[in-house]
Amino acid sequence: MYKTKPQTVGSVIERLFTDLGLRERYKRSEIIGAWQDIVGEQIARVATAERIVGKRLFVHVTDSAWRHELHLRRNEIIHKINRYIGTKAIEDIKFH
């Protein structure tokens, strides 16, 4: 007979998320909701995180000057995103 320690519901759900590969998806979904916190108010006024496909984030930008500026800062933004959520969830950003 096995004797195991009782587990909290939270730890069971956490393990289930990891086992099913949902942890990474959940973390990526946080990016959309936390976009302004990640990039700041100024950028959030002109750029909206729309969706994530694989490890690519699609961002709508209001004008071409800002799109160019954000493209130049792409690596910095990717770093901020990944640092914010604590995993390397985003590898590329497509500004459109």
Protein backbone atom coordinates (compact mmCIF):
# COMPACT_ATOMS: atom_id res chain seq x y z
CA MET A 1 0.00 0.00 0.00
CA TYR A 2 1.32 3.42 -0.97
CA LYS A 3 1.36 6.22 1.49
CA THR A 4 1.40 9.61 -0.18
CA LYS A 5 1.14 13.06 1.21
CA PRO A 6 -2.06 14.94 0.49
CA GLN A 7 -1.74 17.51 -2.28
CA THR A 8 -3.42 20.85 -2.61
CA VAL A 9 -5.84 21.39 -5.46
CA GLY A 10 -3.57 24.17 -6.72
CA SER A 11 -0.56 21.88 -6.98
CA VAL A 12 -2.60 19.21 -8.78
CA ILE A 13 -3.90 21.79 -11.29
CA GLU A 14 -0.39 23.18 -11.74
CA ARG A 15 0.97 19.72 -12.52
CA LEU A 16 -1.95 19.02 -14.87
CA PHE A 17 -1.30 22.29 -16.76
CA THR A 18 2.34 21.34 -17.16
CA ASP A 19 1.63 17.74 -18.16
CA LEU A 20 -0.90 18.81 -20.80
CA GLY A 21 1.35 21.55 -22.17
CA LEU A 22 -1.12 24.27 -21.22
CA ARG A 23 1.23 26.22 -18.96
CA GLU A 24 3.05 27.84 -21.87
CA ARG A 25 -0.24 28.72 -23.62
CA TYR A 26 -1.62 30.26 -20.45
CA LYS A 27 1.53 32.31 -19.96
CA ARG A 28 1.34 33.54 -23.55
CA SER A 29 -2.29 34.58 -23.10
CA GLU A 30 -1.23 36.79 -20.19
CA ILE A 31 0.77 38.94 -22.62
CA ILE A 32 -2.33 40.33 -24.33
CA GLY A 33 -3.90 41.40 -21.03
CA ALA A 34 -0.69 42.85 -19.62
CA TRP A 35 0.45 44.62 -22.81
CA GLN A 36 0.31 48.14 -21.32
CA ASP A 37 2.15 47.03 -18.16
CA ILE A 38 4.86 45.45 -20.30
CA VAL A 39 5.48 48.18 -22.88
CA GLY A 40 4.23 51.26 -21.07
CA GLU A 41 1.38 53.68 -21.66
CA GLN A 42 2.97 55.60 -24.55
CA ILE A 43 3.51 52.52 -26.72
CA ALA A 44 0.19 50.97 -25.68
CA ARG A 45 -1.61 54.07 -27.02
CA VAL A 46 -0.31 53.40 -30.53
CA ALA A 47 0.17 49.62 -30.56
CA THR A 48 -2.23 46.85 -29.60
CA ALA A 49 -1.21 43.25 -29.00
CA GLU A 50 -3.78 41.22 -30.94
CA ARG A 51 -2.91 37.55 -30.96
CA ILE A 52 -0.15 35.01 -30.56
CA VAL A 53 0.51 32.23 -33.04
CA GLY A 54 3.17 29.81 -31.90
CA LYS A 55 5.86 32.05 -30.45
CA ARG A 56 5.06 35.04 -32.66
CA LEU A 57 3.13 38.04 -31.31
CA PHE A 58 1.05 40.08 -33.77
CA VAL A 59 0.76 43.76 -32.90
CA HIS A 60 -1.40 46.34 -34.68
CA VAL A 61 0.28 49.76 -34.87
CA THR A 62 -1.64 52.97 -35.69
CA ASP A 63 0.87 54.53 -38.09
CA SER A 64 3.95 53.71 -40.11
CA ALA A 65 6.36 55.91 -38.12
CA TRP A 66 5.53 54.06 -34.92
CA ARG A 67 5.62 50.71 -36.73
CA HIS A 68 9.19 51.50 -37.84
CA GLU A 69 10.21 52.63 -34.33
CA LEU A 70 8.78 49.50 -32.73
CA HIS A 71 10.40 47.28 -35.31
CA LEU A 72 13.77 48.78 -34.33
CA ARG A 73 12.95 48.09 -30.66
CA ARG A 74 11.61 44.59 -31.33
CA ASN A 75 14.34 42.72 -29.43
CA GLU A 76 13.96 45.01 -26.43
CA ILE A 77 10.18 44.43 -26.39
CA ILE A 78 10.61 40.65 -26.73
CA HIS A 79 13.00 40.72 -23.77
CA LYS A 80 10.52 42.74 -21.68
CA ILE A 81 7.68 40.35 -22.51
CA ASN A 82 9.64 37.23 -21.65
CA ARG A 83 10.99 38.77 -18.45
CA TYR A 84 7.47 39.83 -17.43
CA ILE A 85 5.96 36.36 -17.78
CA GLY A 86 9.05 34.47 -16.67
CA THR A 87 9.54 32.24 -19.70
CA LYS A 88 10.75 32.49 -23.28
CA ALA A 89 7.23 32.47 -24.74
CA ILE A 90 7.81 35.01 -27.53
CA GLU A 91 10.58 34.79 -30.12
CA ASP A 92 9.27 37.18 -32.76
CA ILE A 93 6.90 40.12 -33.16
CA LYS A 94 5.06 41.06 -36.35
CA PHE A 95 4.06 44.73 -36.39
CA HIS A 96 1.30 45.57 -38.88
